[in-house]
Amino acid sequence: MATEAHTEHQGGKIPFPPFNKETFASQVVWLAIFFVALYAIIAKLAIPRIGGIVEARRSRVEGDIAEAGRLKDQSDAALKAYEKSLADARGRAQALANETRDKLHAEAEETRKRLEGELNIKLVDAEKTIAATKSAAMANVRGIAVDTASAIVQRLTGTTPAGPAVEAAVADALKR
């Protein structure tokens, strides 16, 4: 019945509770109580948890950055070691190539000298053979020249010339 009386008092309408003048003061008190309670809960529970999460995240990021720096230093050290070993390998390869080149050059030089020696011996032998052949040919040339001169004179004149006269003429011709 109280609600009927109350409804009648407003002209048959039910007013919106927050705007009801009769309950406004108690609603403000309850609002203050809930606001203080909610603030206390947030201040005591939520903010420390959020702060812990933020701190954990910050420390994790710092740890990740430190780990990345450590790994970068390791990779830089590995790269330097790789470059050093590569340079050492290049140096050893160059030294081996130089040694092989020098060895092959020395062998080629030795082979060249040996072949030159053999060729010089063959050349000396060939020169001796040529000189002997030339001497034999020159000895025969005189006889051939005397015989040829006698045959030419006999054909041209019809008489056989004297042997010493033909030899003297050939000797005189060979001197010039």
C-alpha atoms as a PDB file:
ATOM      1  CA  MET A   1       0.000   0.000   0.000  1.00  0.00           C
ATOM      2  CA  ALA A   2       2.826   2.278   0.585  1.00  0.00           C
ATOM      3  CA  THR A   3       3.779   2.021  -3.030  1.00  0.00           C
ATOM      4  CA  GLU A   4       0.234   2.788  -4.039  1.00  0.00           C
ATOM      5  CA  ALA A   5       0.270   5.872  -1.894  1.00  0.00           C
ATOM      6  CA  HIS A   6       3.583   6.838  -3.202  1.00  0.00           C
ATOM      7  CA  THR A   7       2.469   6.292  -6.809  1.00  0.00           C
ATOM      8  CA  GLU A   8      -0.609   8.327  -6.222  1.00  0.00           C
ATOM      9  CA  HIS A   9       1.428  11.140  -4.760  1.00  0.00           C
ATOM     10  CA  GLN A  10       3.433  11.470  -7.997  1.00  0.00           C
ATOM     11  CA  GLY A  11       0.459  11.490 -10.189  1.00  0.00           C
ATOM     12  CA  GLY A  12       0.544   7.831 -11.169  1.00  0.00           C
ATOM     13  CA  LYS A  13       4.161   7.861 -12.342  1.00  0.00           C
ATOM     14  CA  ILE A  14       7.116   6.090 -10.799  1.00  0.00           C
ATOM     15  CA  PRO A  15      10.145   8.465 -10.720  1.00  0.00           C
ATOM     16  CA  PHE A  16      13.687   7.405 -11.798  1.00  0.00           C
ATOM     17  CA  PRO A  17      15.391   6.285  -8.511  1.00  0.00           C
ATOM     18  CA  PRO A  18      18.547   8.410  -8.726  1.00  0.00           C
ATOM     19  CA  PHE A  19      16.425  11.501  -9.187  1.00  0.00           C
ATOM     20  CA  ASN A  20      14.104  10.599  -6.348  1.00  0.00           C
ATOM     21  CA  LYS A  21      14.502  13.272  -3.660  1.00  0.00           C
ATOM     22  CA  GLU A  22      13.724  10.919  -0.844  1.00  0.00           C
ATOM     23  CA  THR A  23      16.560   8.436  -1.668  1.00  0.00           C
ATOM     24  CA  PHE A  24      19.145  10.892  -3.022  1.00  0.00           C
ATOM     25  CA  ALA A  25      21.131  11.333   0.220  1.00  0.00           C
ATOM     26  CA  SER A  26      21.427   7.610   0.895  1.00  0.00           C
ATOM     27  CA  GLN A  27      22.508   7.019  -2.702  1.00  0.00           C
ATOM     28  CA  VAL A  28      25.284   9.602  -2.372  1.00  0.00           C
ATOM     29  CA  VAL A  29      26.458   7.929   0.864  1.00  0.00           C
ATOM     30  CA  TRP A  30      26.496   4.497  -0.790  1.00  0.00           C
ATOM     31  CA  LEU A  31      28.274   5.969  -3.804  1.00  0.00           C
ATOM     32  CA  ALA A  32      30.978   7.352  -1.533  1.00  0.00           C
ATOM     33  CA  ILE A  33      31.277   4.017   0.338  1.00  0.00           C
ATOM     34  CA  PHE A  34      31.586   2.029  -2.918  1.00  0.00           C
ATOM     35  CA  PHE A  35      33.993   4.557  -4.404  1.00  0.00           C
ATOM     36  CA  VAL A  36      36.270   4.369  -1.353  1.00  0.00           C
ATOM     37  CA  ALA A  37      36.026   0.547  -1.293  1.00  0.00           C
ATOM     38  CA  LEU A  38      36.748   0.298  -5.017  1.00  0.00           C
ATOM     39  CA  TYR A  39      39.660   2.737  -4.676  1.00  0.00           C
ATOM     40  CA  ALA A  40      41.072   0.699  -1.771  1.00  0.00           C
ATOM     41  CA  ILE A  41      40.769  -2.560  -3.753  1.00  0.00           C
ATOM     42  CA  ILE A  42      42.408  -1.049  -6.798  1.00  0.00           C
ATOM     43  CA  ALA A  43      45.165   0.598  -4.738  1.00  0.00           C
ATOM     44  CA  LYS A  44      45.898  -2.554  -2.710  1.00  0.00           C
ATOM     45  CA  LEU A  45      45.438  -5.289  -5.345  1.00  0.00           C
ATOM     46  CA  ALA A  46      45.295  -4.108  -8.953  1.00  0.00           C
ATOM     47  CA  ILE A  47      47.952  -1.390  -9.006  1.00  0.00           C
ATOM     48  CA  PRO A  48      50.660  -3.563  -7.358  1.00  0.00           C
ATOM     49  CA  ARG A  49      49.877  -6.406  -9.790  1.00  0.00           C
ATOM     50  CA  ILE A  50      50.009  -4.069 -12.778  1.00  0.00           C
ATOM     51  CA  GLY A  51      53.237  -2.557 -11.419  1.00  0.00           C
ATOM     52  CA  GLY A  52      54.708  -6.057 -11.009  1.00  0.00           C
ATOM     53  CA  ILE A  53      53.708  -6.964 -14.543  1.00  0.00           C
ATOM     54  CA  VAL A  54      55.222  -3.749 -15.907  1.00  0.00           C
ATOM     55  CA  GLU A  55      58.416  -4.321 -13.888  1.00  0.00           C
ATOM     56  CA  ALA A  56      58.662  -7.947 -15.026  1.00  0.00           C
ATOM     57  CA  ARG A  57      58.160  -6.875 -18.616  1.00  0.00           C
ATOM     58  CA  ARG A  58      60.807  -4.149 -18.298  1.00  0.00           C
ATOM     59  CA  SER A  59      63.307  -6.571 -16.742  1.00  0.00           C
ATOM     60  CA  ARG A  60      62.519  -9.158 -19.458  1.00  0.00           C
ATOM     61  CA  VAL A  61      63.093  -6.568 -22.190  1.00  0.00           C
ATOM     62  CA  GLU A  62      66.377  -5.514 -20.556  1.00  0.00           C
ATOM     63  CA  GLY A  63      67.391  -9.185 -20.280  1.00  0.00           C
ATOM     64  CA  ASP A  64      66.530  -9.770 -23.941  1.00  0.00           C
ATOM     65  CA  ILE A  65      68.538  -6.695 -24.958  1.00  0.00           C
ATOM     66  CA  ALA A  66      71.491  -7.890 -22.856  1.00  0.00           C
ATOM     67  CA  GLU A  67      71.220 -11.386 -24.392  1.00  0.00           C
ATOM     68  CA  ALA A  68      71.056  -9.883 -27.883  1.00  0.00           C
ATOM     69  CA  GLY A  69      74.190  -7.840 -27.133  1.00  0.00           C
ATOM     70  CA  ARG A  70      75.976 -10.942 -25.840  1.00  0.00           C
ATOM     71  CA  LEU A  71      74.968 -12.933 -28.912  1.00  0.00           C
ATOM     72  CA  LYS A  72      76.075 -10.053 -31.162  1.00  0.00           C
ATOM     73  CA  ASP A  73      79.466 -10.021 -29.434  1.00  0.00           C
ATOM     74  CA  GLN A  74      79.728 -13.787 -29.908  1.00  0.00           C
ATOM     75  CA  SER A  75      78.835 -13.500 -33.594  1.00  0.00           C
ATOM     76  CA  ASP A  76      81.347 -10.674 -34.044  1.00  0.00           C
ATOM     77  CA  ALA A  77      84.038 -12.802 -32.374  1.00  0.00           C
ATOM     78  CA  ALA A  78      83.104 -15.783 -34.552  1.00  0.00           C
ATOM     79  CA  LEU A  79      83.219 -13.588 -37.667  1.00  0.00           C
ATOM     80  CA  LYS A  80      86.664 -12.273 -36.707  1.00  0.00           C
ATOM     81  CA  ALA A  81      87.896 -15.824 -36.068  1.00  0.00           C
ATOM     82  CA  TYR A  82      86.454 -16.931 -39.428  1.00  0.00           C
ATOM     83  CA  GLU A  83      88.090 -14.028 -41.260  1.00  0.00           C
ATOM     84  CA  LYS A  84      91.409 -14.751 -39.523  1.00  0.00           C
ATOM     85  CA  SER A  85      91.274 -18.441 -40.396  1.00  0.00           C
ATOM     86  CA  LEU A  86      90.304 -17.523 -43.978  1.00  0.00           C
ATOM     87  CA  ALA A  87      93.266 -15.134 -44.212  1.00  0.00           C
ATOM     88  CA  ASP A  88      95.568 -17.825 -42.754  1.00  0.00           C
ATOM     89  CA  ALA A  89      94.258 -20.357 -45.258  1.00  0.00           C
ATOM     90  CA  ARG A  90      94.812 -17.906 -48.106  1.00  0.00           C
ATOM     91  CA  GLY A  91      98.354 -17.300 -46.869  1.00  0.00           C
ATOM     92  CA  ARG A  92      99.071 -21.032 -46.662  1.00  0.00           C
ATOM     93  CA  ALA A  93      97.581 -21.565 -50.124  1.00  0.00           C
ATOM     94  CA  GLN A  94      99.690 -18.721 -51.529  1.00  0.00           C
ATOM     95  CA  ALA A  95     102.830 -20.123 -49.877  1.00  0.00           C
ATOM     96  CA  LEU A  96     102.046 -23.598 -51.214  1.00  0.00           C
ATOM     97  CA  ALA A  97     101.412 -22.193 -54.692  1.00  0.00           C
ATOM     98  CA  ASN A  98     104.687 -20.238 -54.578  1.00  0.00           C
ATOM     99  CA  GLU A  99     106.582 -23.297 -53.371  1.00  0.00           C
ATOM    100  CA  THR A 100     105.055 -25.473 -56.091  1.00  0.00           C
ATOM    101  CA  ARG A 101     105.744 -22.831 -58.740  1.00  0.00           C
ATOM    102  CA  ASP A 102     109.375 -22.517 -57.616  1.00  0.00           C
ATOM    103  CA  LYS A 103     109.787 -26.296 -57.549  1.00  0.00           C
ATOM    104  CA  LEU A 104     108.315 -26.679 -61.044  1.00  0.00           C
ATOM    105  CA  HIS A 105     110.409 -23.763 -62.297  1.00  0.00           C
ATOM    106  CA  ALA A 106     113.556 -25.386 -60.908  1.00  0.00           C
ATOM    107  CA  GLU A 107     112.629 -28.726 -62.504  1.00  0.00           C
ATOM    108  CA  ALA A 108     111.918 -27.008 -65.839  1.00  0.00           C
ATOM    109  CA  GLU A 109     115.216 -25.135 -65.626  1.00  0.00           C
ATOM    110  CA  GLU A 110     117.072 -28.366 -64.868  1.00  0.00           C
ATOM    111  CA  THR A 111     115.350 -30.121 -67.792  1.00  0.00           C
ATOM    112  CA  ARG A 112     116.142 -27.162 -70.075  1.00  0.00           C
ATOM    113  CA  LYS A 113     119.834 -27.240 -69.098  1.00  0.00           C
ATOM    114  CA  ARG A 114     120.010 -30.999 -69.591  1.00  0.00           C
ATOM    115  CA  LEU A 115     118.367 -30.723 -73.030  1.00  0.00           C
ATOM    116  CA  GLU A 116     120.649 -27.826 -73.984  1.00  0.00           C
ATOM    117  CA  GLY A 117     123.643 -29.944 -72.984  1.00  0.00           C
ATOM    118  CA  GLU A 118     122.396 -32.860 -75.070  1.00  0.00           C
ATOM    119  CA  LEU A 119     121.705 -30.543 -78.012  1.00  0.00           C
ATOM    120  CA  ASN A 120     125.157 -28.964 -77.695  1.00  0.00           C
ATOM    121  CA  ILE A 121     126.758 -32.428 -77.764  1.00  0.00           C
ATOM    122  CA  LYS A 122     124.678 -33.346 -80.827  1.00  0.00           C
ATOM    123  CA  LEU A 123     125.586 -29.994 -82.414  1.00  0.00           C
ATOM    124  CA  VAL A 124     129.307 -30.596 -81.841  1.00  0.00           C
ATOM    125  CA  ASP A 125     128.954 -34.102 -83.278  1.00  0.00           C
ATOM    126  CA  ALA A 126     127.027 -32.714 -86.268  1.00  0.00           C
ATOM    127  CA  GLU A 127     129.669 -30.015 -86.828  1.00  0.00           C
ATOM    128  CA  LYS A 128     132.378 -32.688 -86.719  1.00  0.00           C
ATOM    129  CA  THR A 129     130.427 -34.787 -89.211  1.00  0.00           C
ATOM    130  CA  ILE A 130     129.876 -31.761 -91.452  1.00  0.00           C
ATOM    131  CA  ALA A 131     133.575 -30.849 -91.267  1.00  0.00           C
ATOM    132  CA  ALA A 132     134.591 -34.421 -92.096  1.00  0.00           C
ATOM    133  CA  THR A 133     132.106 -34.564 -94.950  1.00  0.00           C
ATOM    134  CA  LYS A 134     133.276 -31.155 -96.180  1.00  0.00           C
ATOM    135  CA  SER A 135     136.916 -32.251 -96.037  1.00  0.00           C
ATOM    136  CA  ALA A 136     136.104 -35.460 -97.890  1.00  0.00           C
ATOM    137  CA  ALA A 137     134.048 -33.533-100.425  1.00  0.00           C
ATOM    138  CA  MET A 138     136.786 -30.945-100.879  1.00  0.00           C
ATOM    139  CA  ALA A 139     139.330 -33.708-101.410  1.00  0.00           C
ATOM    140  CA  ASN A 140     137.057 -35.253-104.007  1.00  0.00           C
ATOM    141  CA  VAL A 141     136.292 -31.853-105.569  1.00  0.00           C
ATOM    142  CA  ARG A 142     139.889 -31.436-106.608  1.00  0.00           C
ATOM    143  CA  GLY A 143     139.911 -34.879-108.272  1.00  0.00           C
ATOM    144  CA  ILE A 144     136.483 -34.312-109.828  1.00  0.00           C
ATOM    145  CA  ALA A 145     137.564 -30.861-111.057  1.00  0.00           C
ATOM    146  CA  VAL A 146     140.729 -32.309-112.642  1.00  0.00           C
ATOM    147  CA  ASP A 147     138.764 -35.137-114.303  1.00  0.00           C
ATOM    148  CA  THR A 148     136.046 -32.749-115.500  1.00  0.00           C
ATOM    149  CA  ALA A 149     138.565 -30.241-116.841  1.00  0.00           C
ATOM    150  CA  SER A 150     140.409 -33.018-118.730  1.00  0.00           C
ATOM    151  CA  ALA A 151     137.140 -34.288-120.207  1.00  0.00           C
ATOM    152  CA  ILE A 152     136.061 -30.786-121.292  1.00  0.00           C
ATOM    153  CA  VAL A 153     139.439 -30.012-122.909  1.00  0.00           C
ATOM    154  CA  GLN A 154     139.456 -33.395-124.655  1.00  0.00           C
ATOM    155  CA  ARG A 155     135.998 -32.838-126.068  1.00  0.00           C
ATOM    156  CA  LEU A 156     136.673 -29.330-127.133  1.00  0.00           C
ATOM    157  CA  THR A 157     140.090 -29.948-128.637  1.00  0.00           C
ATOM    158  CA  GLY A 158     139.976 -33.621-129.324  1.00  0.00           C
ATOM    159  CA  THR A 159     143.336 -34.240-127.560  1.00  0.00           C
ATOM    160  CA  THR A 160     143.920 -35.387-124.016  1.00  0.00           C
ATOM    161  CA  PRO A 161     145.722 -32.730-122.006  1.00  0.00           C
ATOM    162  CA  ALA A 162     148.707 -33.530-119.758  1.00  0.00           C
ATOM    163  CA  GLY A 163     147.716 -34.463-116.191  1.00  0.00           C
ATOM    164  CA  PRO A 164     150.135 -32.065-114.432  1.00  0.00           C
ATOM    165  CA  ALA A 165     149.008 -29.131-116.586  1.00  0.00           C
ATOM    166  CA  VAL A 166     145.318 -29.767-115.794  1.00  0.00           C
ATOM    167  CA  GLU A 167     146.096 -30.107-112.042  1.00  0.00           C
ATOM    168  CA  ALA A 168     148.081 -26.828-112.084  1.00  0.00           C
ATOM    169  CA  ALA A 169     145.180 -25.051-113.843  1.00  0.00           C
ATOM    170  CA  VAL A 170     142.607 -26.422-111.350  1.00  0.00           C
ATOM    171  CA  ALA A 171     144.853 -25.467-108.382  1.00  0.00           C
ATOM    172  CA  ASP A 172     145.208 -21.952-109.801  1.00  0.00           C
ATOM    173  CA  ALA A 173     141.388 -21.700-110.250  1.00  0.00           C
ATOM    174  CA  LEU A 174     140.718 -22.931-106.688  1.00  0.00           C
ATOM    175  CA  LYS A 175     143.084 -20.337-105.212  1.00  0.00           C
ATOM    176  CA  ARG A 176     141.004 -17.487-106.614  1.00  0.00           C
END
